[in-house]
Amino acid sequence: MTDMEQELTGIQERFIRVHRDYLVNSRYLSWFWNQEAGLMDGTRIPVSRIYKERVERVVGEKRKKIMR
């Protein structure tokens, strides 16, 4: 997974790690609740405690943009 993160260096700001096994395009994050995130297509993925704050921030920023 680390190799993949390094390959995405140029566009890395769009991709965030949410779990040891998951790297997600932040544009497709739809919601976050209780250590689980949802993607726009309905897929549900786990969020590790380590990455919880980052996911909350990204989802919160998306909501603020929508509300404007």
Protein backbone atom coordinates (compact mmCIF):
# COMPACT_ATOMS: atom_id res chain seq x y z
CA MET A 1 0.00 0.00 0.00
CA THR A 2 2.87 2.38 0.73
CA ASP A 3 4.20 1.87 -2.82
CA MET A 4 0.85 2.91 -4.22
CA GLU A 5 0.84 6.04 -2.04
CA GLN A 6 4.26 6.96 -3.41
CA GLU A 7 3.07 6.48 -7.01
CA LEU A 8 0.24 8.93 -6.35
CA THR A 9 2.62 11.68 -5.22
CA GLY A 10 1.44 14.20 -7.84
CA ILE A 11 -2.22 13.77 -7.01
CA GLN A 12 -1.80 12.58 -3.45
CA GLU A 13 -3.94 15.36 -1.96
CA ARG A 14 -7.00 13.67 -3.48
CA PHE A 15 -6.20 10.28 -1.98
CA ILE A 16 -6.26 9.58 1.73
CA ARG A 17 -5.54 6.47 3.69
CA VAL A 18 -8.49 5.53 5.87
CA HIS A 19 -7.31 2.12 7.01
CA ARG A 20 -4.23 -0.04 6.73
CA ASP A 21 -5.84 -1.77 3.74
CA TYR A 22 -7.70 1.17 2.15
CA LEU A 23 -6.59 4.20 0.17
CA VAL A 24 -9.56 6.28 -1.02
CA ASN A 25 -10.11 9.08 -3.50
CA SER A 26 -11.49 11.77 -1.19
CA ARG A 27 -13.83 13.01 -3.93
CA TYR A 28 -15.85 9.81 -3.49
CA LEU A 29 -16.20 9.95 0.29
CA SER A 30 -19.83 10.54 1.09
CA TRP A 31 -20.20 10.11 4.85
CA PHE A 32 -18.39 9.06 8.02
CA TRP A 33 -19.90 7.53 11.12
CA ASN A 34 -18.50 5.50 13.98
CA GLN A 35 -15.28 4.27 12.33
CA GLU A 36 -16.97 3.52 9.02
CA ALA A 37 -17.02 5.60 5.84
CA GLY A 38 -19.34 5.45 2.89
CA LEU A 39 -18.50 6.08 -0.73
CA MET A 40 -20.80 7.65 -3.30
CA ASP A 41 -21.56 4.25 -4.82
CA GLY A 42 -22.80 2.89 -1.47
CA THR A 43 -19.65 0.96 -0.58
CA ARG A 44 -18.91 0.94 3.16
CA ILE A 45 -15.32 0.74 4.36
CA PRO A 46 -13.72 0.64 7.81
CA VAL A 47 -11.82 3.63 9.16
CA SER A 48 -8.98 3.01 11.61
CA ARG A 49 -8.74 5.05 14.79
CA ILE A 50 -5.42 6.39 13.51
CA TYR A 51 -7.07 7.94 10.43
CA LYS A 52 -10.40 8.91 11.99
CA GLU A 53 -9.64 12.61 12.47
CA ARG A 54 -8.39 13.00 8.91
CA VAL A 55 -11.53 11.38 7.47
CA GLU A 56 -13.78 13.54 9.68
CA ARG A 57 -11.96 16.67 8.46
CA VAL A 58 -12.22 15.72 4.77
CA VAL A 59 -15.92 14.84 5.00
CA GLY A 60 -16.56 18.05 6.98
CA GLU A 61 -14.79 20.17 4.36
CA LYS A 62 -16.88 18.56 1.62
CA ARG A 63 -20.07 19.41 3.52
CA LYS A 64 -18.97 23.05 3.93
CA LYS A 65 -18.39 23.32 0.17
CA ILE A 66 -21.84 21.90 -0.54
CA MET A 67 -23.50 24.30 1.90
CA ARG A 68 -22.02 27.38 0.22
